Protein backbone atom coordinates (compact mmCIF):
# COMPACT_ATOMS: atom_id res chain seq x y z
CA UNK A 1 -9.77 -6.69 -11.76
CA UNK A 2 -8.12 -3.30 -12.38
CA UNK A 3 -4.46 -2.50 -12.57
CA UNK A 4 -2.53 0.14 -10.65
CA UNK A 5 1.02 1.38 -10.54
CA UNK A 6 3.05 1.81 -7.35
CA UNK A 7 5.90 4.36 -7.73
CA UNK A 8 7.25 3.60 -4.27
CA UNK A 9 9.51 6.26 -2.73
CA UNK A 10 10.40 9.45 -4.57
CA UNK A 11 14.00 10.66 -4.50
CA UNK A 12 15.67 7.40 -5.32
CA UNK A 13 17.31 8.75 -8.46
CA UNK A 14 14.55 7.84 -10.95
CA UNK A 15 12.15 10.72 -10.33
CA UNK A 16 11.92 11.90 -13.93
CA UNK A 17 11.40 8.31 -15.06
CA UNK A 18 8.78 7.82 -12.34
CA UNK A 19 6.72 10.68 -13.72
CA UNK A 20 6.91 9.28 -17.25
CA UNK A 21 5.90 5.86 -15.87
CA UNK A 22 2.86 7.43 -14.26
CA UNK A 23 1.99 9.29 -17.45
CA UNK A 24 2.29 6.08 -19.48
CA UNK A 25 0.05 4.25 -16.95
CA UNK A 26 -2.45 7.00 -17.40
CA UNK A 27 -2.40 6.56 -21.19
CA UNK A 28 -2.72 2.75 -20.83
CA UNK A 29 -5.83 3.11 -18.67
CA UNK A 30 -4.43 2.02 -15.31
CA UNK A 31 -6.81 2.82 -12.53
CA UNK A 32 -4.58 4.30 -9.78
CA UNK A 33 -1.03 5.57 -9.24
CA UNK A 34 0.23 5.13 -5.65
CA UNK A 35 3.19 6.88 -3.97
CA UNK A 36 4.82 6.02 -0.70
CA UNK A 37 6.61 7.82 2.13
CA UNK A 38 8.89 6.76 4.99
CA UNK A 39 11.52 9.31 6.13
CA UNK A 40 12.42 10.88 2.80
CA UNK A 41 9.96 12.27 0.30
CA UNK A 42 6.44 12.96 1.41
CA UNK A 43 3.64 11.34 -0.57
CA UNK A 44 1.30 14.39 -0.71
CA UNK A 45 3.81 16.51 -2.72
CA UNK A 46 4.55 13.68 -5.10
CA UNK A 47 0.84 12.98 -5.71
CA UNK A 48 0.11 16.60 -6.47
CA UNK A 49 2.93 16.65 -8.99
CA UNK A 50 1.67 13.48 -10.66
CA UNK A 51 -1.96 14.61 -10.64
CA UNK A 52 -1.10 17.86 -12.33
CA UNK A 53 0.53 16.01 -15.22
CA UNK A 54 -2.01 13.20 -15.74
CA UNK A 55 -5.60 13.26 -16.82
CA UNK A 56 -7.58 10.13 -15.84
CA UNK A 57 -5.60 8.00 -13.42
CA UNK A 58 -6.32 8.25 -9.71
CA UNK A 59 -3.57 9.20 -7.36
CA UNK A 60 -3.31 7.46 -3.97
CA UNK A 61 -1.18 7.63 -0.85
CA UNK A 62 0.36 4.27 -0.03
CA UNK A 63 0.70 5.49 2.65
CA UNK A 64 0.22 8.68 4.60
CA UNK A 65 1.82 7.78 7.91
CA UNK A 66 -0.48 8.17 10.82
CA UNK A 67 2.28 9.36 13.30
CA UNK A 68 3.36 12.04 10.81
CA UNK A 69 0.24 14.06 10.74
CA UNK A 70 -2.62 15.08 12.94
CA UNK A 71 -5.87 13.57 11.63
CA UNK A 72 -7.36 16.99 10.80
CA UNK A 73 -4.30 17.83 8.68
CA UNK A 74 -4.75 14.58 6.77
CA UNK A 75 -8.34 15.54 6.13
CA UNK A 76 -7.20 18.89 4.84
CA UNK A 77 -4.66 17.31 2.57
CA UNK A 78 -7.09 14.68 1.27
CA UNK A 79 -9.75 17.31 0.50
CA UNK A 80 -7.25 19.53 -1.22
CA UNK A 81 -5.75 16.78 -3.39
CA UNK A 82 -9.22 15.59 -4.29
CA UNK A 83 -10.26 19.07 -5.32
CA UNK A 84 -7.08 19.81 -7.32
CA UNK A 85 -7.17 16.43 -9.12
CA UNK A 86 -10.81 16.69 -10.08
CA UNK A 87 -11.92 13.87 -7.81
CA UNK A 88 -9.02 11.47 -8.44
CA UNK A 89 -7.57 11.09 -4.93
CA UNK A 90 -7.54 7.87 -2.81
CA UNK A 91 -6.46 8.21 0.84
CA UNK A 92 -4.25 5.37 2.09
CA UNK A 93 -3.22 5.33 5.75
CA UNK A 94 -0.94 3.25 7.89
CA UNK A 95 0.75 3.26 11.27
CA UNK A 96 4.24 2.82 9.85
CA UNK A 97 6.52 0.87 12.13
CA UNK A 98 8.14 1.33 15.57
CA UNK A 99 11.50 2.47 14.29
CA UNK A 100 10.07 5.23 12.11
CA UNK A 101 7.26 6.17 14.42
CA UNK A 102 9.47 6.62 17.49
CA UNK A 103 12.77 7.41 15.86
CA UNK A 104 11.72 9.86 13.17
CA UNK A 105 8.43 11.27 14.45
CA UNK A 106 8.91 10.88 18.23
CA UNK A 107 5.44 9.24 18.55
CA UNK A 108 5.12 6.16 20.69
CA UNK A 109 4.21 3.04 18.70
CA UNK A 110 1.56 1.83 21.12
CA UNK A 111 -2.02 0.74 20.65
CA UNK A 112 -1.80 1.00 16.84
CA UNK A 113 -5.27 -0.46 16.24
CA UNK A 114 -7.05 1.95 18.63
CA UNK A 115 -5.03 4.90 17.23
CA UNK A 116 -5.97 3.95 13.69
CA UNK A 117 -9.67 3.63 14.50
CA UNK A 118 -9.74 7.05 16.22
CA UNK A 119 -7.69 8.58 13.39
CA UNK A 120 -10.10 7.31 10.76
CA UNK A 121 -13.10 8.52 12.78
CA UNK A 122 -11.68 12.04 12.92
CA UNK A 123 -10.59 12.18 9.29
CA UNK A 124 -14.00 11.05 8.12
CA UNK A 125 -15.84 13.44 10.44
CA UNK A 126 -13.70 16.37 9.36
CA UNK A 127 -14.40 15.61 5.66
CA UNK A 128 -18.14 15.72 6.24
CA UNK A 129 -17.57 19.46 6.78
CA UNK A 130 -19.43 19.33 10.09
CA UNK A 131 -17.95 21.18 13.03
CA UNK A 132 -15.20 18.95 14.41
CA UNK A 133 -15.34 17.68 17.96
CA UNK A 134 -14.09 14.36 19.23
CA UNK A 135 -13.47 12.65 22.55
CA UNK A 136 -11.17 9.61 22.42
CA UNK A 137 -8.28 7.97 24.22
CA UNK A 138 -5.72 9.45 21.88
CA UNK A 139 -7.30 12.66 20.53
CA UNK A 140 -9.64 15.13 22.08
CA UNK A 141 -10.92 18.06 19.91
CA UNK A 142 -11.16 20.83 20.90
CA UNK A 143 -8.70 20.61 23.82
CA UNK A 144 -10.70 21.02 27.04
CA UNK A 145 -10.27 24.19 29.16
CA UNK A 146 -8.68 26.28 26.42
CA UNK A 147 -9.58 28.75 23.67
CA UNK A 148 -10.17 26.09 21.03
CA UNK A 149 -13.58 25.73 19.48
CA UNK A 150 -15.12 23.22 16.99
CA UNK A 151 -14.17 24.26 13.47
CA UNK A 152 -15.20 22.88 10.12
CA UNK A 153 -13.24 22.18 6.95
CA UNK A 154 -13.46 25.09 4.57
CA UNK A 155 -12.24 23.20 1.45
CA UNK A 156 -14.94 21.40 -0.56
CA UNK A 157 -13.63 18.00 -1.81
CA UNK A 158 -14.65 17.03 -5.30
CA UNK A 159 -16.61 14.07 -3.90
CA UNK A 160 -18.62 13.57 -0.83
CA UNK A 161 -16.78 10.33 -0.03
CA UNK A 162 -13.06 9.96 -0.72
CA UNK A 163 -12.14 6.23 -0.77
CA UNK A 164 -10.12 5.40 2.37
CA UNK A 165 -7.59 2.55 2.50
CA UNK A 166 -5.54 1.12 5.29
CA UNK A 167 -2.17 -0.70 4.89
CA UNK A 168 -2.73 -3.92 6.79
CA UNK A 169 -0.81 -7.14 7.31
CA UNK A 170 -1.68 -8.70 10.66
CA UNK A 171 -4.96 -10.52 11.34
CA UNK A 172 -6.34 -8.00 13.82
CA UNK A 173 -5.42 -5.03 11.64
CA UNK A 174 -6.92 -6.73 8.60
CA UNK A 175 -10.16 -7.33 10.50
CA UNK A 176 -10.37 -3.71 11.66
CA UNK A 177 -9.57 -2.55 8.11
CA UNK A 178 -12.47 -4.59 6.74
CA UNK A 179 -14.67 -2.96 9.38
CA UNK A 180 -13.74 0.71 9.01
CA UNK A 181 -12.20 1.24 5.58
CA UNK A 182 -13.09 1.11 1.89
CA UNK A 183 -10.04 -0.92 0.84
CA UNK A 184 -6.89 -2.68 2.02
CA UNK A 185 -3.34 -1.98 0.83
CA UNK A 186 -1.38 -5.26 0.86
CA UNK A 187 2.26 -6.23 0.33
CA UNK A 188 3.84 -9.67 -0.31
CA UNK A 189 0.47 -11.31 -1.09
CA UNK A 190 0.47 -14.85 -2.22
CA UNK A 191 -2.65 -15.84 -4.24
CA UNK A 192 -2.23 -19.39 -2.85
CA UNK A 193 -2.41 -18.15 0.80
CA UNK A 194 -4.54 -15.03 0.39
CA UNK A 195 -7.73 -16.49 1.79
CA UNK A 196 -6.04 -17.78 4.94
CA UNK A 197 -3.73 -14.84 5.54
CA UNK A 198 -5.88 -11.96 4.45
CA UNK A 199 -9.34 -12.36 2.96
CA UNK A 200 -10.98 -14.23 5.84
CA UNK A 201 -9.89 -11.51 8.28
CA UNK A 202 -11.22 -8.70 5.99
CA UNK A 203 -14.45 -10.62 5.60
CA UNK A 204 -14.80 -10.88 9.37
CA UNK A 205 -14.44 -7.18 9.70
CA UNK A 206 -16.92 -6.46 7.01
CA UNK A 207 -19.41 -8.71 8.77
CA UNK A 208 -18.88 -6.80 12.01
CA UNK A 209 -19.96 -3.71 10.06
CA UNK A 210 -22.93 -5.48 8.59
CA UNK A 211 -21.32 -5.47 5.13
CA UNK A 212 -19.86 -7.91 2.64
CA UNK A 213 -16.69 -7.63 0.53
CA UNK A 214 -18.74 -6.36 -2.34
CA UNK A 215 -17.35 -2.96 -3.27
CA UNK A 216 -14.35 -3.35 -0.93
CA UNK A 217 -11.05 -2.84 -2.79
CA UNK A 218 -8.43 -5.51 -2.06
CA UNK A 219 -5.32 -3.89 -3.48
CA UNK A 220 -1.91 -5.63 -3.21
CA UNK A 221 1.34 -4.36 -4.78
CA UNK A 222 3.44 -6.89 -6.65
CA UNK A 223 6.83 -6.51 -8.37
CA UNK A 224 6.59 -7.25 -12.11
CA UNK A 225 9.48 -8.52 -14.24
CA UNK A 226 8.84 -9.82 -17.79
CA UNK A 227 11.08 -12.34 -19.48
CA UNK A 228 11.31 -15.92 -20.65
CA UNK A 229 9.81 -18.55 -18.40
CA UNK A 230 13.13 -20.44 -18.40
CA UNK A 231 14.67 -17.34 -16.71
CA UNK A 232 12.19 -17.00 -13.86
CA UNK A 233 14.86 -17.89 -11.27
CA UNK A 234 17.11 -15.11 -12.59
CA UNK A 235 14.19 -12.69 -12.65
CA UNK A 236 13.39 -13.60 -9.03
CA UNK A 237 16.97 -13.07 -7.94
CA UNK A 238 16.68 -9.35 -8.75
CA UNK A 239 14.08 -9.02 -5.95
CA UNK A 240 16.16 -10.75 -3.21
CA UNK A 241 17.46 -7.46 -1.65
CA UNK A 242 13.99 -6.00 -1.73
CA UNK A 243 12.36 -8.98 -0.11
CA UNK A 244 15.18 -9.27 2.44
CA UNK A 245 14.77 -5.63 3.43
CA UNK A 246 11.15 -6.23 4.42
CA UNK A 247 11.34 -9.74 5.83
CA UNK A 248 14.64 -9.10 7.63
CA UNK A 249 14.92 -5.39 8.29
CA UNK A 250 11.59 -3.68 8.52
CA UNK A 251 10.42 -2.89 12.04
CA UNK A 252 12.25 -4.46 14.90
CA UNK A 253 13.18 -8.00 15.87
CA UNK A 254 9.96 -8.29 17.88
CA UNK A 255 7.73 -6.23 15.60
CA UNK A 256 8.27 -7.11 11.93
CA UNK A 257 4.89 -7.58 10.35
CA UNK A 258 6.39 -8.77 7.00
CA UNK A 259 8.45 -11.46 8.76
CA UNK A 260 5.36 -12.64 10.53
CA UNK A 261 3.47 -12.78 7.19
CA UNK A 262 6.25 -14.92 5.66
CA UNK A 263 5.92 -17.26 8.64
CA UNK A 264 2.19 -17.53 8.12
CA UNK A 265 2.87 -18.52 4.53
CA UNK A 266 4.90 -21.46 5.67
CA UNK A 267 8.45 -19.95 5.61
CA UNK A 268 9.07 -19.96 9.34
CA UNK A 269 12.65 -21.21 9.32
CA UNK A 270 13.71 -19.04 6.36
CA UNK A 271 12.12 -15.98 7.89
CA UNK A 272 14.02 -16.43 11.08
CA UNK A 273 17.28 -16.95 9.20
CA UNK A 274 16.71 -13.87 6.97
CA UNK A 275 15.96 -11.67 9.98
CA UNK A 276 18.94 -12.92 12.00
CA UNK A 277 21.37 -12.24 9.12
CA UNK A 278 19.86 -8.92 8.18
CA UNK A 279 19.82 -7.51 11.73
CA UNK A 280 23.43 -8.67 12.24
CA UNK A 281 24.52 -6.64 9.26
CA UNK A 282 24.80 -9.47 6.71
CA UNK A 283 22.44 -8.11 4.05
CA UNK A 284 23.90 -10.23 1.26
CA UNK A 285 23.50 -13.36 3.37
CA UNK A 286 19.91 -12.36 4.16
CA UNK A 287 19.15 -11.90 0.46
CA UNK A 288 20.73 -15.28 -0.38
CA UNK A 289 18.59 -16.91 2.30
CA UNK A 290 15.29 -15.78 0.73
CA UNK A 291 13.60 -18.87 -0.72
CA UNK A 292 12.89 -18.65 -4.42
CA UNK A 293 9.32 -19.80 -3.83
CA UNK A 294 8.64 -16.82 -1.50
CA UNK A 295 9.63 -14.42 -4.26
CA UNK A 296 7.84 -16.27 -7.02
CA UNK A 297 4.65 -16.51 -4.97
CA UNK A 298 4.63 -12.72 -4.22
CA UNK A 299 5.68 -11.32 -7.65
CA UNK A 300 4.71 -11.52 -11.25
CA UNK A 301 7.57 -13.11 -13.13
CA UNK A 302 8.09 -14.58 -16.63
CA UNK A 303 6.23 -14.41 -19.92
CA UNK A 304 3.04 -12.53 -20.52
CA UNK A 305 1.15 -15.82 -20.57
CA UNK A 306 2.59 -16.86 -17.19
CA UNK A 307 1.78 -13.52 -15.69
CA UNK A 308 -1.73 -13.68 -17.14
CA UNK A 309 -2.19 -17.04 -15.37
CA UNK A 310 -0.98 -15.55 -12.13
CA UNK A 311 -3.41 -12.62 -12.54
CA UNK A 312 -6.27 -15.11 -12.85
CA UNK A 313 -5.21 -16.70 -9.56
CA UNK A 314 -5.13 -13.28 -7.73
CA UNK A 315 -8.52 -12.35 -9.18
CA UNK A 316 -9.95 -15.68 -8.10
CA UNK A 317 -8.46 -15.20 -4.62
CA UNK A 318 -10.35 -11.85 -4.26
CA UNK A 319 -7.97 -9.17 -5.51
CA UNK A 320 -9.85 -6.33 -7.15
CA UNK A 321 -7.01 -3.92 -7.93
CA UNK A 322 -3.49 -5.26 -8.69
CA UNK A 323 -0.89 -2.62 -8.30
CA UNK A 324 2.35 -3.26 -10.17
CA UNK A 325 5.91 -2.21 -9.38
CA UNK A 326 7.52 -2.67 -12.85
CA UNK A 327 11.15 -3.71 -12.86
CA UNK A 328 13.72 -2.29 -15.23
CA UNK A 329 17.03 -0.44 -15.28
CA UNK A 330 15.81 2.06 -17.93
CA UNK A 331 12.62 3.97 -18.53
CA UNK A 332 12.02 1.96 -21.67
CA UNK A 333 12.17 -1.34 -19.83
CA UNK A 334 9.81 -0.12 -17.17
CA UNK A 335 7.27 1.17 -19.77
CA UNK A 336 7.54 -2.16 -21.61
CA UNK A 337 6.71 -3.91 -18.36
CA UNK A 338 3.62 -1.66 -17.93
CA UNK A 339 2.43 -2.51 -21.39
CA UNK A 340 3.02 -6.23 -20.70
CA UNK A 341 0.87 -5.90 -17.57
CA UNK A 342 -1.98 -4.53 -19.71
CA UNK A 343 -1.51 -7.31 -22.28
CA UNK A 344 -1.52 -9.96 -19.52
CA UNK A 345 -4.71 -8.58 -18.04
CA UNK A 346 -6.35 -8.78 -21.47
CA UNK A 347 -5.12 -12.34 -22.05
CA UNK A 348 -6.44 -13.32 -18.68
CA UNK A 349 -9.90 -12.01 -19.67
CA UNK A 350 -9.93 -9.66 -16.73
CA UNK A 351 -9.77 -6.25 -18.53
């Protein structure tokens, strides 16, 4: 199992520290550095900045939002980043959520699975550098009856095949991801529930494509906070607002994929309470209603030995790249967490 680092969103006041965290992860031998986007910083610019100041670590979009870009533009960006980074780019895609898709981009959040499939088809076809033509429900290239003609990508990516990941949570999306992608980007994964909530659906998709999970990258992001085992409850409390944001406030009341995931892990009543409080404006109450076990099952908390044991559980459950979001109020604390992650991986015998 490899380790990655997830920088999250740029522009949150820790940008200089984030770059140093990425550079330290590069020195420590981490496999990939992911950056996210929502409706603030864009991931492509951040990744080019990180790639220019690192040497070995891959850079990956977690995620490029599908409603934000035409698929041909995503192919252009992926090819450019792969070329500039010397073959270190990983393309992560996702549909975002209804509030961002419709409120920020003005794109209807309908038929997300079909849109994702067509989007991936076009991106992959464009990056083969063949002349691009496509007829689908959501995209037709070139537009019929006009001056457009099939064009081909002029940039040569460093590699013939750029790894393509999809951010997936729901069963149908996970199955399709297994079928059409090279990896899955996961959030709030519990090793205990991973087979039932995630792996079996990815496996079904791989089987549809006549493939196995061999070579498929199962890549969850987990918060990491190092401390004494006796202080695990306190360490977990620091992630209550983060967890409440996703379980309670991401998406809409009817379409919150993270809330649905918490329910599938057995936290039905708590998930409903958290969402009700969060959407009514009681964010503190929502954070307080997050069960400790939900945080502890979806984060790496405690001593290096405890974290090593958890890493073993994730590896046994099918995780191939574990991306860490290291906690800390200072750069020194975050770097120390990164180093603890490396040490834990070695103690687990997974390095």
